[in-house]
């Protein structure tokens, strides 16, 4: 998964270091914690889960494997919820 793009009708803002994602068509909103927001921002910039994991592992002192699993899990969840799609 080389990164994500938001689907039409989805917008987001950072508030106090946390992402608030709004799915306009359903009026549902999602809140990400600080670490998930870092992953989310980097995924929107086109970074792969492996690249994101290296940055998260270094910044937060977690294992590379755990960071990559978290990045893949979050990106997969955003796609399944209909908020984002994988970049080609």
N, C-alpha and C. Protein backbone atom coordinates (compact mmCIF):
# COMPACT_ATOMS: atom_id res chain seq x y z
N UNK A 1 0.86 -1.17 0.00
CA UNK A 1 0.00 0.00 0.00
C UNK A 1 0.90 1.23 0.00
N UNK A 2 0.96 1.97 -1.12
CA UNK A 2 1.89 3.09 -1.23
C UNK A 2 1.42 4.41 -0.65
N UNK A 3 0.35 4.46 0.00
CA UNK A 3 -0.19 5.69 0.55
C UNK A 3 -1.68 5.75 0.28
N UNK A 4 -2.31 6.78 0.79
CA UNK A 4 -3.76 6.92 0.69
C UNK A 4 -4.16 8.25 0.09
N UNK A 5 -5.35 8.26 -0.49
CA UNK A 5 -6.02 9.48 -0.91
C UNK A 5 -7.41 9.45 -0.28
N UNK A 6 -7.88 10.59 0.16
CA UNK A 6 -9.24 10.65 0.70
C UNK A 6 -10.24 10.52 -0.43
N UNK A 7 -11.37 9.87 -0.16
CA UNK A 7 -12.42 9.76 -1.17
C UNK A 7 -13.24 11.05 -1.17
N UNK A 8 -14.00 11.26 -2.23
CA UNK A 8 -14.86 12.44 -2.32
C UNK A 8 -15.81 12.48 -1.13
N UNK A 9 -16.02 13.67 -0.60
CA UNK A 9 -16.94 13.84 0.51
C UNK A 9 -16.31 13.67 1.87
N UNK A 10 -15.00 13.41 1.91
CA UNK A 10 -14.30 13.24 3.18
C UNK A 10 -13.34 14.41 3.37
N UNK A 11 -13.36 14.98 4.56
CA UNK A 11 -12.44 16.06 4.89
C UNK A 11 -11.89 15.80 6.28
N UNK A 12 -10.84 16.52 6.62
CA UNK A 12 -10.24 16.34 7.95
C UNK A 12 -9.56 17.61 8.40
N UNK A 13 -9.39 17.71 9.69
CA UNK A 13 -8.66 18.81 10.32
C UNK A 13 -7.93 18.24 11.53
N UNK A 14 -6.80 18.88 11.85
CA UNK A 14 -6.09 18.54 13.08
C UNK A 14 -6.56 19.49 14.18
N UNK A 15 -6.90 18.93 15.32
CA UNK A 15 -7.32 19.71 16.48
C UNK A 15 -6.55 19.18 17.68
N UNK A 16 -5.71 20.02 18.26
CA UNK A 16 -4.89 19.62 19.40
C UNK A 16 -4.09 18.36 19.14
N UNK A 17 -3.52 18.26 17.94
CA UNK A 17 -2.66 17.14 17.59
C UNK A 17 -3.39 15.87 17.19
N UNK A 18 -4.72 15.92 17.12
CA UNK A 18 -5.51 14.75 16.75
C UNK A 18 -6.31 15.05 15.49
N UNK A 19 -6.38 14.08 14.60
CA UNK A 19 -7.14 14.26 13.36
C UNK A 19 -8.61 13.98 13.62
N UNK A 20 -9.44 14.87 13.11
CA UNK A 20 -10.89 14.68 13.09
C UNK A 20 -11.25 14.50 11.62
N UNK A 21 -11.80 13.35 11.28
CA UNK A 21 -12.13 13.03 9.89
C UNK A 21 -13.65 13.01 9.77
N UNK A 22 -14.16 13.73 8.80
CA UNK A 22 -15.61 13.81 8.58
C UNK A 22 -15.97 13.15 7.26
N UNK A 23 -16.88 12.20 7.33
CA UNK A 23 -17.45 11.60 6.13
C UNK A 23 -18.76 12.33 5.87
N UNK A 24 -18.70 13.34 4.98
CA UNK A 24 -19.82 14.23 4.74
C UNK A 24 -21.13 13.54 4.38
N UNK A 25 -21.11 12.57 3.45
CA UNK A 25 -22.37 11.95 3.04
C UNK A 25 -23.15 11.29 4.18
N UNK A 26 -22.44 10.76 5.16
CA UNK A 26 -23.13 10.09 6.28
C UNK A 26 -23.15 10.93 7.55
N UNK A 27 -22.43 12.04 7.55
CA UNK A 27 -22.26 12.90 8.73
C UNK A 27 -21.56 12.18 9.88
N UNK A 28 -20.86 11.11 9.60
CA UNK A 28 -20.09 10.41 10.63
C UNK A 28 -18.73 11.06 10.75
N UNK A 29 -18.21 11.08 11.98
CA UNK A 29 -16.86 11.60 12.17
C UNK A 29 -16.04 10.60 12.96
N UNK A 30 -14.75 10.68 12.76
CA UNK A 30 -13.78 9.77 13.36
C UNK A 30 -12.68 10.62 13.98
N UNK A 31 -12.18 10.20 15.12
CA UNK A 31 -11.09 10.89 15.78
C UNK A 31 -9.90 9.94 15.89
N UNK A 32 -8.74 10.43 15.53
CA UNK A 32 -7.50 9.65 15.64
C UNK A 32 -6.65 10.21 16.76
N UNK A 33 -5.97 9.33 17.48
CA UNK A 33 -5.05 9.81 18.50
C UNK A 33 -3.79 10.38 17.84
N UNK A 34 -2.89 10.88 18.65
CA UNK A 34 -1.70 11.55 18.13
C UNK A 34 -0.86 10.67 17.21
N UNK A 35 -0.60 9.44 17.63
CA UNK A 35 0.23 8.55 16.82
C UNK A 35 -0.48 8.18 15.52
N UNK A 36 -1.76 7.88 15.60
CA UNK A 36 -2.53 7.56 14.40
C UNK A 36 -2.58 8.75 13.46
N UNK A 37 -2.62 9.96 14.00
CA UNK A 37 -2.61 11.16 13.17
C UNK A 37 -1.30 11.29 12.41
N UNK A 38 -0.19 10.95 13.05
CA UNK A 38 1.11 10.96 12.37
C UNK A 38 1.08 9.97 11.20
N UNK A 39 0.58 8.77 11.46
CA UNK A 39 0.49 7.74 10.41
C UNK A 39 -0.42 8.24 9.28
N UNK A 40 -1.57 8.78 9.64
CA UNK A 40 -2.56 9.26 8.68
C UNK A 40 -1.96 10.35 7.78
N UNK A 41 -1.31 11.34 8.38
CA UNK A 41 -0.71 12.43 7.59
C UNK A 41 0.34 11.90 6.61
N UNK A 42 1.17 10.99 7.09
CA UNK A 42 2.22 10.46 6.22
C UNK A 42 1.64 9.60 5.10
N UNK A 43 0.59 8.86 5.40
CA UNK A 43 -0.06 8.06 4.36
C UNK A 43 -0.66 8.96 3.28
N UNK A 44 -1.24 10.08 3.69
CA UNK A 44 -1.79 11.03 2.71
C UNK A 44 -0.70 11.67 1.87
N UNK A 45 0.52 11.69 2.37
CA UNK A 45 1.66 12.22 1.61
C UNK A 45 2.26 11.16 0.68
N UNK A 46 1.66 9.97 0.67
CA UNK A 46 2.12 8.92 -0.24
C UNK A 46 3.17 7.99 0.30
N UNK A 47 3.45 8.08 1.59
CA UNK A 47 4.48 7.21 2.18
C UNK A 47 3.93 5.81 2.40
N UNK A 48 4.78 4.83 2.22
CA UNK A 48 4.39 3.43 2.41
C UNK A 48 4.34 3.10 3.91
N UNK A 49 3.64 2.03 4.27
CA UNK A 49 3.63 1.62 5.68
C UNK A 49 5.04 1.38 6.24
N UNK A 50 5.93 0.84 5.42
CA UNK A 50 7.30 0.60 5.88
C UNK A 50 8.02 1.91 6.18
N UNK A 51 7.86 2.89 5.32
CA UNK A 51 8.49 4.20 5.54
C UNK A 51 7.89 4.89 6.76
N UNK A 52 6.58 4.81 6.88
CA UNK A 52 5.90 5.39 8.05
C UNK A 52 6.40 4.72 9.32
N UNK A 53 6.52 3.41 9.28
CA UNK A 53 6.95 2.64 10.45
C UNK A 53 8.33 3.07 10.92
N UNK A 54 9.24 3.33 10.00
CA UNK A 54 10.59 3.77 10.39
C UNK A 54 10.51 5.08 11.17
N UNK A 55 9.69 6.01 10.69
CA UNK A 55 9.56 7.31 11.37
C UNK A 55 8.89 7.16 12.73
N UNK A 56 7.83 6.37 12.80
CA UNK A 56 7.10 6.17 14.05
C UNK A 56 7.97 5.43 15.06
N UNK A 57 8.69 4.41 14.60
CA UNK A 57 9.56 3.65 15.49
C UNK A 57 10.62 4.55 16.12
N UNK A 58 11.21 5.40 15.30
CA UNK A 58 12.25 6.30 15.79
C UNK A 58 11.68 7.35 16.74
N UNK A 59 10.54 7.93 16.40
CA UNK A 59 9.96 9.00 17.20
C UNK A 59 9.34 8.53 18.51
N UNK A 60 8.74 7.35 18.49
CA UNK A 60 7.98 6.89 19.66
C UNK A 60 8.63 5.72 20.40
N UNK A 61 9.77 5.23 19.88
CA UNK A 61 10.48 4.17 20.58
C UNK A 61 9.77 2.84 20.59
N UNK A 62 8.99 2.55 19.56
CA UNK A 62 8.33 1.25 19.45
C UNK A 62 9.08 0.43 18.41
N UNK A 63 8.86 -0.87 18.44
CA UNK A 63 9.56 -1.73 17.49
C UNK A 63 9.09 -1.43 16.07
N UNK A 64 9.96 -1.68 15.14
CA UNK A 64 9.64 -1.46 13.73
C UNK A 64 8.47 -2.34 13.31
N UNK A 65 8.45 -3.58 13.77
CA UNK A 65 7.37 -4.51 13.41
C UNK A 65 6.03 -4.01 13.93
N UNK A 66 6.00 -3.54 15.18
CA UNK A 66 4.75 -3.04 15.76
C UNK A 66 4.29 -1.79 15.04
N UNK A 67 5.21 -0.90 14.72
CA UNK A 67 4.87 0.34 14.03
C UNK A 67 4.31 0.05 12.64
N UNK A 68 4.92 -0.89 11.93
CA UNK A 68 4.43 -1.22 10.59
C UNK A 68 3.06 -1.89 10.66
N UNK A 69 2.87 -2.76 11.63
CA UNK A 69 1.55 -3.40 11.80
C UNK A 69 0.48 -2.36 12.09
N UNK A 70 0.81 -1.38 12.93
CA UNK A 70 -0.14 -0.31 13.24
C UNK A 70 -0.46 0.53 12.00
N UNK A 71 0.57 0.85 11.21
CA UNK A 71 0.36 1.64 10.00
C UNK A 71 -0.53 0.89 9.02
N UNK A 72 -0.26 -0.39 8.84
CA UNK A 72 -1.08 -1.19 7.91
C UNK A 72 -2.52 -1.33 8.42
N UNK A 73 -2.67 -1.53 9.72
CA UNK A 73 -4.00 -1.69 10.31
C UNK A 73 -4.81 -0.40 10.16
N UNK A 74 -4.21 0.74 10.46
CA UNK A 74 -4.92 2.01 10.34
C UNK A 74 -5.30 2.28 8.89
N UNK A 75 -4.36 2.11 7.98
CA UNK A 75 -4.67 2.36 6.57
C UNK A 75 -5.77 1.43 6.08
N UNK A 76 -5.72 0.17 6.46
CA UNK A 76 -6.76 -0.77 6.08
C UNK A 76 -8.12 -0.37 6.63
N UNK A 77 -8.14 0.10 7.87
CA UNK A 77 -9.40 0.54 8.49
C UNK A 77 -9.99 1.75 7.77
N UNK A 78 -9.14 2.69 7.40
CA UNK A 78 -9.63 3.87 6.68
C UNK A 78 -10.22 3.50 5.33
N UNK A 79 -9.62 2.54 4.66
CA UNK A 79 -10.14 2.07 3.37
C UNK A 79 -11.46 1.33 3.59
N UNK A 80 -11.50 0.42 4.57
CA UNK A 80 -12.74 -0.35 4.83
C UNK A 80 -13.90 0.55 5.24
N UNK A 81 -13.61 1.63 5.96
CA UNK A 81 -14.66 2.56 6.40
C UNK A 81 -15.12 3.48 5.27
N UNK A 82 -14.47 3.39 4.12
CA UNK A 82 -14.86 4.22 2.98
C UNK A 82 -14.37 5.66 3.06
N UNK A 83 -13.33 5.88 3.84
CA UNK A 83 -12.79 7.23 4.01
C UNK A 83 -11.64 7.52 3.05
N UNK A 84 -10.95 6.49 2.63
CA UNK A 84 -9.76 6.64 1.80
C UNK A 84 -9.65 5.49 0.82
N UNK A 85 -8.79 5.68 -0.16
CA UNK A 85 -8.48 4.61 -1.10
C UNK A 85 -6.97 4.56 -1.26
N UNK A 86 -6.49 3.39 -1.64
CA UNK A 86 -5.07 3.23 -1.88
C UNK A 86 -4.67 4.00 -3.13
N UNK A 87 -3.51 4.62 -3.09
CA UNK A 87 -2.98 5.29 -4.28
C UNK A 87 -2.48 4.24 -5.26
N UNK A 88 -2.60 4.55 -6.51
CA UNK A 88 -2.14 3.61 -7.56
C UNK A 88 -0.64 3.60 -7.65
